[in-house]
N, C-alpha and C. Protein backbone atom coordinates (compact mmCIF):
# COMPACT_ATOMS: atom_id res chain seq x y z
N MET A 1 70.36 97.86 81.28
CA MET A 1 70.10 98.46 82.57
C MET A 1 70.76 97.66 83.69
N ALA A 2 70.71 96.34 83.60
CA ALA A 2 71.35 95.50 84.61
C ALA A 2 72.86 95.70 84.60
N LYS A 3 73.39 95.97 83.40
CA LYS A 3 74.83 96.22 83.28
C LYS A 3 75.23 97.47 84.06
N ASN A 4 74.43 98.53 83.94
CA ASN A 4 74.70 99.77 84.68
C ASN A 4 74.58 99.55 86.18
N SER A 5 73.61 98.75 86.57
CA SER A 5 73.41 98.46 87.99
C SER A 5 74.61 97.69 88.55
N ALA A 6 75.09 96.72 87.80
CA ALA A 6 76.26 95.94 88.22
C ALA A 6 77.50 96.84 88.28
N LEU A 7 77.60 97.74 87.32
CA LEU A 7 78.74 98.67 87.29
C LEU A 7 78.70 99.59 88.51
N ARG A 8 77.52 100.11 88.83
CA ARG A 8 77.39 100.98 90.01
C ARG A 8 77.69 100.20 91.29
N ALA A 9 77.27 98.96 91.34
CA ALA A 9 77.54 98.13 92.52
C ALA A 9 79.04 97.91 92.67
N ARG A 10 79.73 97.63 91.56
CA ARG A 10 81.18 97.41 91.60
C ARG A 10 81.90 98.70 92.03
N ILE A 11 81.43 99.82 91.54
CA ILE A 11 82.02 101.10 91.93
C ILE A 11 81.85 101.30 93.44
N GLY A 12 80.68 100.97 93.96
CA GLY A 12 80.44 101.10 95.40
C GLY A 12 81.36 100.21 96.21
N VAL A 13 81.56 98.98 95.75
CA VAL A 13 82.45 98.05 96.44
C VAL A 13 83.88 98.58 96.43
N LEU A 14 84.34 99.06 95.28
CA LEU A 14 85.70 99.59 95.19
C LEU A 14 85.88 100.81 96.10
N ARG A 15 84.88 101.66 96.15
CA ARG A 15 84.97 102.84 97.03
C ARG A 15 85.08 102.42 98.49
N THR A 16 84.29 101.44 98.87
CA THR A 16 84.33 100.95 100.25
C THR A 16 85.69 100.34 100.57
N GLU A 17 86.20 99.52 99.66
CA GLU A 17 87.51 98.89 99.87
C GLU A 17 88.62 99.93 99.93
N HIS A 18 88.55 100.91 99.03
CA HIS A 18 89.55 101.98 99.00
C HIS A 18 89.53 102.76 100.32
N GLN A 19 88.34 103.06 100.82
CA GLN A 19 88.21 103.79 102.07
C GLN A 19 88.77 102.99 103.24
N ALA A 20 88.52 101.68 103.25
CA ALA A 20 89.04 100.83 104.33
C ALA A 20 90.57 100.83 104.32
N LEU A 21 91.16 100.77 103.13
CA LEU A 21 92.62 100.81 103.03
C LEU A 21 93.15 102.17 103.50
N LYS A 22 92.47 103.22 103.11
CA LYS A 22 92.87 104.57 103.52
C LYS A 22 92.83 104.70 105.04
N GLU A 23 91.78 104.17 105.66
CA GLU A 23 91.66 104.24 107.11
C GLU A 23 92.76 103.44 107.81
N ARG A 24 93.08 102.28 107.27
CA ARG A 24 94.15 101.47 107.87
C ARG A 24 95.49 102.20 107.76
N LEU A 25 95.76 102.79 106.61
CA LEU A 25 97.01 103.53 106.44
C LEU A 25 97.06 104.74 107.38
N THR A 26 95.94 105.40 107.56
CA THR A 26 95.86 106.54 108.47
C THR A 26 96.17 106.11 109.90
N SER A 27 95.64 104.96 110.29
CA SER A 27 95.90 104.47 111.65
C SER A 27 97.38 104.11 111.83
N MET A 28 98.01 103.65 110.78
CA MET A 28 99.44 103.32 110.86
C MET A 28 100.29 104.58 111.03
N ARG A 29 99.82 105.70 110.50
CA ARG A 29 100.55 106.95 110.64
C ARG A 29 100.64 107.39 112.09
N GLY A 30 99.71 106.92 112.91
CA GLY A 30 99.71 107.28 114.32
C GLY A 30 100.80 106.59 115.12
N HIS A 31 101.41 105.58 114.54
CA HIS A 31 102.50 104.87 115.24
C HIS A 31 103.80 105.64 115.06
N ARG A 32 104.52 105.76 116.12
CA ARG A 32 105.80 106.48 116.05
C ARG A 32 106.81 105.69 115.21
N PHE A 33 106.85 104.38 115.42
CA PHE A 33 107.75 103.51 114.67
C PHE A 33 106.96 102.31 114.18
N LEU A 34 107.37 101.79 113.04
CA LEU A 34 106.75 100.59 112.49
C LEU A 34 107.77 99.47 112.47
N THR A 35 107.32 98.27 112.80
CA THR A 35 108.19 97.11 112.71
C THR A 35 108.43 96.82 111.23
N PRO A 36 109.42 96.01 110.90
CA PRO A 36 109.63 95.66 109.49
C PRO A 36 108.37 95.03 108.87
N GLU A 37 107.64 94.24 109.65
CA GLU A 37 106.42 93.62 109.15
C GLU A 37 105.35 94.68 108.86
N GLU A 38 105.27 95.67 109.75
CA GLU A 38 104.31 96.75 109.55
C GLU A 38 104.69 97.62 108.36
N GLU A 39 105.99 97.83 108.16
CA GLU A 39 106.46 98.59 106.98
C GLU A 39 106.05 97.87 105.70
N LEU A 40 106.23 96.55 105.69
CA LEU A 40 105.85 95.76 104.53
C LEU A 40 104.34 95.84 104.31
N GLU A 41 103.58 95.73 105.39
CA GLU A 41 102.12 95.85 105.29
C GLU A 41 101.73 97.22 104.75
N LYS A 42 102.40 98.25 105.23
CA LYS A 42 102.11 99.61 104.78
C LYS A 42 102.34 99.76 103.27
N ARG A 43 103.47 99.27 102.79
CA ARG A 43 103.75 99.34 101.36
C ARG A 43 102.73 98.55 100.55
N THR A 44 102.37 97.39 101.06
CA THR A 44 101.38 96.56 100.37
C THR A 44 100.03 97.27 100.32
N LEU A 45 99.63 97.85 101.45
CA LEU A 45 98.37 98.58 101.50
C LEU A 45 98.37 99.78 100.55
N GLN A 46 99.49 100.48 100.48
CA GLN A 46 99.59 101.63 99.58
C GLN A 46 99.41 101.19 98.13
N LYS A 47 100.03 100.08 97.77
CA LYS A 47 99.90 99.57 96.40
C LYS A 47 98.47 99.13 96.11
N LEU A 48 97.85 98.45 97.06
CA LEU A 48 96.46 98.01 96.88
C LEU A 48 95.53 99.20 96.76
N LYS A 49 95.76 100.21 97.57
CA LYS A 49 94.93 101.40 97.53
C LYS A 49 95.03 102.08 96.17
N LEU A 50 96.23 102.18 95.63
CA LEU A 50 96.42 102.78 94.32
C LEU A 50 95.75 101.94 93.23
N MET A 51 95.84 100.62 93.33
CA MET A 51 95.19 99.74 92.36
C MET A 51 93.67 99.94 92.40
N LYS A 52 93.12 100.04 93.61
CA LYS A 52 91.67 100.26 93.75
C LYS A 52 91.29 101.60 93.15
N LYS A 53 92.09 102.62 93.40
CA LYS A 53 91.80 103.96 92.88
C LYS A 53 91.82 103.96 91.35
N ASP A 54 92.80 103.29 90.76
CA ASP A 54 92.88 103.20 89.31
C ASP A 54 91.69 102.45 88.72
N ALA A 55 91.32 101.33 89.36
CA ALA A 55 90.18 100.55 88.89
C ALA A 55 88.90 101.36 89.02
N LEU A 56 88.78 102.09 90.11
CA LEU A 56 87.62 102.92 90.34
C LEU A 56 87.52 104.01 89.27
N ALA A 57 88.62 104.66 88.97
CA ALA A 57 88.63 105.71 87.95
C ALA A 57 88.23 105.14 86.58
N ALA A 58 88.72 103.95 86.26
CA ALA A 58 88.38 103.33 84.99
C ALA A 58 86.89 103.00 84.91
N LEU A 59 86.33 102.49 86.00
CA LEU A 59 84.90 102.16 86.01
C LEU A 59 84.03 103.40 85.96
N VAL A 60 84.44 104.45 86.66
CA VAL A 60 83.67 105.70 86.62
C VAL A 60 83.69 106.25 85.19
N ALA A 61 84.85 106.23 84.55
CA ALA A 61 84.94 106.70 83.17
C ALA A 61 84.06 105.85 82.26
N LYS A 62 84.08 104.55 82.48
CA LYS A 62 83.26 103.63 81.66
C LYS A 62 81.78 103.91 81.87
N SER A 63 81.39 104.18 83.11
CA SER A 63 79.98 104.44 83.41
C SER A 63 79.51 105.74 82.76
N ARG A 64 80.45 106.65 82.55
CA ARG A 64 80.12 107.91 81.89
C ARG A 64 80.24 107.83 80.37
N GLY A 65 80.71 106.68 79.90
CA GLY A 65 80.83 106.45 78.47
C GLY A 65 82.02 107.09 77.82
N THR A 66 83.05 107.40 78.64
CA THR A 66 84.24 108.05 78.09
C THR A 66 85.41 107.12 77.94
N ALA A 67 85.24 105.85 78.32
CA ALA A 67 86.36 104.91 78.19
C ALA A 67 86.05 103.87 77.15
């Protein structure tokens, strides 16, 4: 039971982190132009967001017993 609770907590953390990355990327879309540093940050954020999404999908599958 504690394992499921820890898994649910980790899923919650990943969802929160993923949402924060999504919001940051959305705010960057509002800029007409991005500096080279902002472009690099944008690419990094996109990669991190995808990594979080993949990890989240794996944990959700594991919590459902399909992984």
